[in-house]
Structures are given as structure tokens and as C-alpha cells.
Amino acid sequence: MRIATFNIWNNQTLWVERLAAICELVKDIDPDVLALQEVRSSIDVEKGINVAQHIANQAGYPFCIFKEYPDSPDEGLAFLSKIPISTEDVIWQKNTKESNYCAIRITFKNGDYEFGITNVHLNWKSTMIRKEQIRAVHNWIFGENNTKPYEILCGDFNDEPNSSIHHYLTDHHWMDVAQSKENRKP
């Protein structure tokens, strides 16, 4: 199973060209599940289609979940999947502070295995807010008693590998797959 994550940058700069390139890149990489951040709520107001659904249509993804932020409805978080999605949830439907509106989660089954995947977009301006957000996300995932045998956390952490966010996650038994792969001998 292949999983990818992209921040598609909700910015007008070369938007039409970038959107076409994003669709092509997604087709080329061809992940089974794709987590997206900074997804525009609308690509075409008349058709009522969001950017995630457009990418899903162009790249051949039958399952698309998009949730706009309640405090910033012009964008949100999304998942595209080739695997049927069992459940979907967003952190802002829980009892959490507005500054923690940063995560969407899906669950699905692939073969005999159950997965939970959480897609985050942490604050880019403040380390203190990012710390609060990652604690809230971690507690949300494991406090719901609906965790799956395989939990995956992905997205835009807006931080670097040796950051306090990274240390918090590894101290709480999250494994950094990119770092693990980098440390493997060829």
C-alpha cells in the first residue's frame, strides 16, 4: 500500500498551471491513499466542486473526503483514496480549542488489516501553537478508543525533524517512516 501527502499551497500564483501539474504528479506517483493540505473549497462555484474532488476526478480516485475549516471555510483538508473509507472524522467536531482545528482522520480496511490515518496541517507561525496542536491531535486519536492496529499520522507539520514536535511524537511511540528509511543500509 502506498500513502502520500502533499500541501498544495492555497495561493493564486500560477494556479491553473499548478493545478494541472498537481493532477499529473498524483497520477505519476499513484498512491493508494493521498492526504492533502491547503485544499481550496471551490474550484468552480457553479459546479459546486472543491479542488480535492477535481484532483480525484482527474487522477481516478473513487473516494474523496474534503472538510473545510469552520474558522476558514475557503480551504480545508482532504483524503483521496482507491480503498473504500470506513469512517471519517475531524478534530473540530470534538471539544477542542479553535487553534487546534488542524486534523482530519479516516479509517479503512485493506485486506485483513485495519488502518487509521490522520492528516494534519499544523500552524506555520508558532512553535507553541504547533506543540498544543500535536498534543490535541495525539490525544484525539488515542482518547477516542477507536484506534486501529495501524495508525498513520501524516501531513504538513511545518517543522523540522529535530524539532520539539518530532521529539513529542517519537517520545509517544510514533515512528518517523522517512527517518527510518533514511537510516536503513542500502
C-alpha atoms as a PDB file:
ATOM      1  CA  MET A   1       0.000   0.000   0.000  1.00  0.00           C
ATOM      2  CA  ARG A   2       1.322   3.433  -0.958  1.00  0.00           C
ATOM      3  CA  ILE A   3       0.435   6.572   1.017  1.00  0.00           C
ATOM      4  CA  ALA A   4       1.447  10.120   0.074  1.00  0.00           C
ATOM      5  CA  THR A   5       0.847  13.574   1.481  1.00  0.00           C
ATOM      6  CA  PHE A   6       1.016  16.987  -0.238  1.00  0.00           C
ATOM      7  CA  ASN A   7       0.470  20.565   0.781  1.00  0.00           C
ATOM      8  CA  ILE A   8      -0.905  22.011  -2.463  1.00  0.00           C
ATOM      9  CA  TRP A   9      -0.475  25.667  -1.351  1.00  0.00           C
ATOM     10  CA  ASN A  10      -3.715  27.621  -1.485  1.00  0.00           C
ATOM     11  CA  ASN A  11      -2.293  30.559  -3.401  1.00  0.00           C
ATOM     12  CA  GLN A  12      -3.303  32.180  -6.677  1.00  0.00           C
ATOM     13  CA  THR A  13       0.260  32.164  -8.097  1.00  0.00           C
ATOM     14  CA  LEU A  14       0.169  30.218 -11.396  1.00  0.00           C
ATOM     15  CA  TRP A  15      -2.889  28.412 -10.019  1.00  0.00           C
ATOM     16  CA  VAL A  16      -4.215  26.908 -13.265  1.00  0.00           C
ATOM     17  CA  GLU A  17      -0.767  25.600 -14.236  1.00  0.00           C
ATOM     18  CA  ARG A  18      -0.043  24.296 -10.734  1.00  0.00           C
ATOM     19  CA  LEU A  19      -3.391  22.514 -10.504  1.00  0.00           C
ATOM     20  CA  ALA A  20      -2.728  20.723 -13.802  1.00  0.00           C
ATOM     21  CA  ALA A  21       0.780  19.796 -12.576  1.00  0.00           C
ATOM     22  CA  ILE A  22      -0.624  18.545  -9.253  1.00  0.00           C
ATOM     23  CA  CYS A  23      -3.069  16.265 -11.089  1.00  0.00           C
ATOM     24  CA  GLU A  24      -0.259  14.893 -13.268  1.00  0.00           C
ATOM     25  CA  LEU A  25       2.023  14.349 -10.269  1.00  0.00           C
ATOM     26  CA  VAL A  26      -0.694  12.481  -8.391  1.00  0.00           C
ATOM     27  CA  LYS A  27      -1.247  10.239 -11.435  1.00  0.00           C
ATOM     28  CA  ASP A  28       2.511   9.601 -11.723  1.00  0.00           C
ATOM     29  CA  ILE A  29       3.051   8.820  -8.028  1.00  0.00           C
ATOM     30  CA  ASP A  30      -0.211   6.849  -7.912  1.00  0.00           C
ATOM     31  CA  PRO A  31      -0.630   6.416  -4.139  1.00  0.00           C
ATOM     32  CA  ASP A  32      -3.464   4.280  -2.802  1.00  0.00           C
ATOM     33  CA  VAL A  33      -4.271   6.988  -0.246  1.00  0.00           C
ATOM     34  CA  LEU A  34      -3.385  10.668  -0.602  1.00  0.00           C
ATOM     35  CA  ALA A  35      -3.614  13.263   2.186  1.00  0.00           C
ATOM     36  CA  LEU A  36      -3.884  16.891   1.037  1.00  0.00           C
ATOM     37  CA  GLN A  37      -3.473  20.162   2.920  1.00  0.00           C
ATOM     38  CA  GLU A  38      -4.439  23.732   1.891  1.00  0.00           C
ATOM     39  CA  VAL A  39      -7.231  22.446  -0.334  1.00  0.00           C
ATOM     40  CA  ARG A  40      -9.458  25.163  -1.779  1.00  0.00           C
ATOM     41  CA  SER A  41     -13.149  24.794  -1.037  1.00  0.00           C
ATOM     42  CA  SER A  42     -14.116  25.681  -4.565  1.00  0.00           C
ATOM     43  CA  ILE A  43     -12.616  25.270  -7.991  1.00  0.00           C
ATOM     44  CA  ASP A  44     -15.863  26.084  -9.725  1.00  0.00           C
ATOM     45  CA  VAL A  45     -18.636  27.708  -7.717  1.00  0.00           C
ATOM     46  CA  GLU A  46     -21.245  26.930 -10.377  1.00  0.00           C
ATOM     47  CA  LYS A  47     -20.417  23.211 -10.403  1.00  0.00           C
ATOM     48  CA  GLY A  48     -20.012  23.137  -6.616  1.00  0.00           C
ATOM     49  CA  ILE A  49     -16.754  21.201  -6.825  1.00  0.00           C
ATOM     50  CA  ASN A  50     -13.801  21.562  -4.461  1.00  0.00           C
ATOM     51  CA  VAL A  51     -10.172  21.157  -5.504  1.00  0.00           C
ATOM     52  CA  ALA A  52      -9.858  17.714  -3.877  1.00  0.00           C
ATOM     53  CA  GLN A  53     -12.777  16.382  -5.914  1.00  0.00           C
ATOM     54  CA  HIS A  54     -11.267  17.886  -9.074  1.00  0.00           C
ATOM     55  CA  ILE A  55      -7.939  16.131  -8.409  1.00  0.00           C
ATOM     56  CA  ALA A  56      -9.784  12.890  -7.595  1.00  0.00           C
ATOM     57  CA  ASN A  57     -11.719  13.121 -10.875  1.00  0.00           C
ATOM     58  CA  GLN A  58      -8.586  13.868 -12.914  1.00  0.00           C
ATOM     59  CA  ALA A  59      -6.408  11.209 -11.244  1.00  0.00           C
ATOM     60  CA  GLY A  60      -9.022   8.435 -10.979  1.00  0.00           C
ATOM     61  CA  TYR A  61      -9.753   8.283  -7.253  1.00  0.00           C
ATOM     62  CA  PRO A  62     -13.223   6.885  -6.478  1.00  0.00           C
ATOM     63  CA  PHE A  63     -13.211   8.053  -2.845  1.00  0.00           C
ATOM     64  CA  CYS A  64     -12.735  11.668  -1.826  1.00  0.00           C
ATOM     65  CA  ILE A  65     -13.260  13.240   1.590  1.00  0.00           C
ATOM     66  CA  PHE A  66     -12.946  17.016   1.913  1.00  0.00           C
ATOM     67  CA  LYS A  67     -13.641  19.019   5.071  1.00  0.00           C
ATOM     68  CA  GLU A  68     -13.380  22.787   5.116  1.00  0.00           C
ATOM     69  CA  TYR A  69     -12.180  24.506   8.244  1.00  0.00           C
ATOM     70  CA  PRO A  70     -15.078  26.029  10.192  1.00  0.00           C
ATOM     71  CA  ASP A  71     -12.941  29.093  11.000  1.00  0.00           C
ATOM     72  CA  SER A  72     -11.608  29.473   7.425  1.00  0.00           C
ATOM     73  CA  PRO A  73     -14.154  27.987   5.006  1.00  0.00           C
ATOM     74  CA  ASP A  74     -12.180  28.885   1.877  1.00  0.00           C
ATOM     75  CA  GLU A  75      -9.876  25.889   2.455  1.00  0.00           C
ATOM     76  CA  GLY A  76      -9.573  22.609   4.306  1.00  0.00           C
ATOM     77  CA  LEU A  77      -8.076  19.124   4.464  1.00  0.00           C
ATOM     78  CA  ALA A  78      -8.752  16.141   2.229  1.00  0.00           C
ATOM     79  CA  PHE A  79      -8.119  12.481   1.544  1.00  0.00           C
ATOM     80  CA  LEU A  80      -8.275  10.780  -1.850  1.00  0.00           C
ATOM     81  CA  SER A  81      -8.404   7.004  -1.771  1.00  0.00           C
ATOM     82  CA  LYS A  82      -8.591   3.991  -4.030  1.00  0.00           C
ATOM     83  CA  ILE A  83      -9.600   1.964  -0.965  1.00  0.00           C
ATOM     84  CA  PRO A  84     -13.137   2.336   0.436  1.00  0.00           C
ATOM     85  CA  ILE A  85     -13.191   4.574   3.515  1.00  0.00           C
ATOM     86  CA  SER A  86     -14.957   3.156   6.577  1.00  0.00           C
ATOM     87  CA  THR A  87     -15.187   6.271   8.760  1.00  0.00           C
ATOM     88  CA  GLU A  88     -14.257   9.933   8.649  1.00  0.00           C
ATOM     89  CA  ASP A  89     -13.891  12.487  11.426  1.00  0.00           C
ATOM     90  CA  VAL A  90     -12.488  15.959  12.064  1.00  0.00           C
ATOM     91  CA  ILE A  91     -10.955  17.263  15.248  1.00  0.00           C
ATOM     92  CA  TRP A  92     -13.114  20.396  15.263  1.00  0.00           C
ATOM     93  CA  GLN A  93     -16.229  18.338  15.935  1.00  0.00           C
ATOM     94  CA  LYS A  94     -14.741  17.481  19.316  1.00  0.00           C
ATOM     95  CA  ASN A  95     -14.369  19.662  22.365  1.00  0.00           C
ATOM     96  CA  THR A  96     -11.182  21.430  21.269  1.00  0.00           C
ATOM     97  CA  LYS A  97      -9.921  24.989  21.004  1.00  0.00           C
ATOM     98  CA  GLU A  98     -10.282  26.785  17.675  1.00  0.00           C
ATOM     99  CA  SER A  99      -6.473  26.977  17.381  1.00  0.00           C
ATOM    100  CA  ASN A 100      -6.478  23.166  17.213  1.00  0.00           C
ATOM    101  CA  TYR A 101      -8.678  22.957  14.101  1.00  0.00           C
ATOM    102  CA  CYS A 102      -5.921  21.142  12.254  1.00  0.00           C
ATOM    103  CA  ALA A 103      -6.752  17.460  11.603  1.00  0.00           C
ATOM    104  CA  ILE A 104      -8.961  15.079   9.653  1.00  0.00           C
ATOM    105  CA  ARG A 105      -8.990  11.303  10.153  1.00  0.00           C
ATOM    106  CA  ILE A 106     -10.223   8.329   8.166  1.00  0.00           C
ATOM    107  CA  THR A 107     -10.281   4.614   8.822  1.00  0.00           C
ATOM    108  CA  PHE A 108     -10.331   1.800   6.305  1.00  0.00           C
ATOM    109  CA  LYS A 109      -9.597  -1.869   5.897  1.00  0.00           C
ATOM    110  CA  ASN A 110      -7.051  -3.196   3.409  1.00  0.00           C
ATOM    111  CA  GLY A 111      -7.065  -6.965   3.243  1.00  0.00           C
ATOM    112  CA  ASP A 112      -7.090  -8.274   6.811  1.00  0.00           C
ATOM    113  CA  TYR A 113      -5.608  -5.072   8.249  1.00  0.00           C
ATOM    114  CA  GLU A 114      -7.378  -2.061   9.752  1.00  0.00           C
ATOM    115  CA  PHE A 115      -5.859   1.404   9.443  1.00  0.00           C
ATOM    116  CA  GLY A 116      -6.446   4.842  10.857  1.00  0.00           C
ATOM    117  CA  ILE A 117      -4.838   7.750   9.030  1.00  0.00           C
ATOM    118  CA  THR A 118      -4.798  11.281  10.380  1.00  0.00           C
ATOM    119  CA  ASN A 119      -3.904  14.217   8.141  1.00  0.00           C
ATOM    120  CA  VAL A 120      -2.659  17.341   9.948  1.00  0.00           C
ATOM    121  CA  HIS A 121      -1.772  20.876   8.951  1.00  0.00           C
ATOM    122  CA  LEU A 122      -0.018  22.471  11.894  1.00  0.00           C
ATOM    123  CA  ASN A 123       0.396  26.209  12.409  1.00  0.00           C
ATOM    124  CA  TRP A 124       3.334  27.633  10.485  1.00  0.00           C
ATOM    125  CA  LYS A 125       3.873  30.721  12.624  1.00  0.00           C
ATOM    126  CA  SER A 126       4.179  29.466  16.193  1.00  0.00           C
ATOM    127  CA  THR A 127       6.067  26.578  17.758  1.00  0.00           C
ATOM    128  CA  MET A 128       3.946  26.930  20.878  1.00  0.00           C
ATOM    129  CA  ILE A 129       0.709  26.540  18.884  1.00  0.00           C
ATOM    130  CA  ARG A 130       2.162  23.553  16.974  1.00  0.00           C
ATOM    131  CA  LYS A 131       3.005  21.864  20.285  1.00  0.00           C
ATOM    132  CA  GLU A 132      -0.534  22.412  21.531  1.00  0.00           C
ATOM    133  CA  GLN A 133      -1.966  21.147  18.237  1.00  0.00           C
ATOM    134  CA  ILE A 134       0.085  17.951  18.121  1.00  0.00           C
ATOM    135  CA  ARG A 135      -0.829  17.126  21.729  1.00  0.00           C
ATOM    136  CA  ALA A 136      -4.510  17.689  20.916  1.00  0.00           C
ATOM    137  CA  VAL A 137      -4.267  15.505  17.796  1.00  0.00           C
ATOM    138  CA  HIS A 138      -2.437  12.699  19.628  1.00  0.00           C
ATOM    139  CA  ASN A 139      -4.996  12.753  22.467  1.00  0.00           C
ATOM    140  CA  TRP A 140      -7.864  12.877  19.951  1.00  0.00           C
ATOM    141  CA  ILE A 141      -6.608   9.778  18.136  1.00  0.00           C
ATOM    142  CA  PHE A 142      -5.878   7.715  21.231  1.00  0.00           C
ATOM    143  CA  GLY A 143      -8.555   9.125  23.518  1.00  0.00           C
ATOM    144  CA  GLU A 144     -11.463   8.081  21.336  1.00  0.00           C
ATOM    145  CA  ASN A 145     -10.954   4.341  21.896  1.00  0.00           C
ATOM    146  CA  ASN A 146     -11.401   3.858  18.174  1.00  0.00           C
ATOM    147  CA  THR A 147      -7.748   3.409  17.309  1.00  0.00           C
ATOM    148  CA  LYS A 148      -6.832   0.799  14.777  1.00  0.00           C
ATOM    149  CA  PRO A 149      -3.939  -1.682  14.920  1.00  0.00           C
ATOM    150  CA  TYR A 150      -2.109   0.537  12.406  1.00  0.00           C
ATOM    151  CA  GLU A 151      -2.201   4.288  12.940  1.00  0.00           C
ATOM    152  CA  ILE A 152      -0.564   6.652  10.470  1.00  0.00           C
ATOM    153  CA  LEU A 153      -0.026  10.349  11.081  1.00  0.00           C
ATOM    154  CA  CYS A 154       0.853  12.466   8.059  1.00  0.00           C
ATOM    155  CA  GLY A 155       0.520  15.974   6.724  1.00  0.00           C
ATOM    156  CA  ASP A 156       2.288  19.302   6.988  1.00  0.00           C
ATOM    157  CA  PHE A 157       3.904  19.596  10.414  1.00  0.00           C
ATOM    158  CA  ASN A 158       5.579  22.911   9.490  1.00  0.00           C
ATOM    159  CA  ASP A 159       8.668  21.864  11.407  1.00  0.00           C
ATOM    160  CA  GLU A 160      11.942  20.005  11.011  1.00  0.00           C
ATOM    161  CA  PRO A 161      12.995  16.504  12.070  1.00  0.00           C
ATOM    162  CA  ASN A 162      14.814  17.577  15.235  1.00  0.00           C
ATOM    163  CA  SER A 163      12.022  19.840  16.457  1.00  0.00           C
ATOM    164  CA  SER A 164      10.078  19.610  19.692  1.00  0.00           C
ATOM    165  CA  ILE A 165       7.102  18.330  17.654  1.00  0.00           C
ATOM    166  CA  HIS A 166       9.199  15.475  16.287  1.00  0.00           C
ATOM    167  CA  HIS A 167      10.509  14.660  19.770  1.00  0.00           C
ATOM    168  CA  TYR A 168       6.980  14.708  21.213  1.00  0.00           C
ATOM    169  CA  LEU A 169       5.811  12.241  18.575  1.00  0.00           C
ATOM    170  CA  THR A 170       8.744   9.866  18.884  1.00  0.00           C
ATOM    171  CA  ASP A 171       8.516  10.046  22.688  1.00  0.00           C
ATOM    172  CA  HIS A 172       4.890   8.914  22.285  1.00  0.00           C
ATOM    173  CA  HIS A 173       5.900   5.913  20.160  1.00  0.00           C
ATOM    174  CA  TRP A 174       5.209   7.357  16.703  1.00  0.00           C
ATOM    175  CA  MET A 175       7.786   6.098  14.223  1.00  0.00           C
ATOM    176  CA  ASP A 176       9.173   8.500  11.616  1.00  0.00           C
ATOM    177  CA  VAL A 177       8.984   6.373   8.465  1.00  0.00           C
ATOM    178  CA  ALA A 178      11.103   8.767   6.372  1.00  0.00           C
ATOM    179  CA  GLN A 179      13.828   8.832   9.010  1.00  0.00           C
ATOM    180  CA  SER A 180      13.630   5.056   9.438  1.00  0.00           C
ATOM    181  CA  LYS A 181      14.044   4.529   5.707  1.00  0.00           C
ATOM    182  CA  GLU A 182      16.927   7.004   5.604  1.00  0.00           C
ATOM    183  CA  ASN A 183      18.718   5.140   8.417  1.00  0.00           C
ATOM    184  CA  ARG A 184      18.487   1.781   6.637  1.00  0.00           C
ATOM    185  CA  LYS A 185      21.580   0.500   4.954  1.00  0.00           C
ATOM    186  CA  PRO A 186      21.306   0.073   1.164  1.00  0.00           C
END
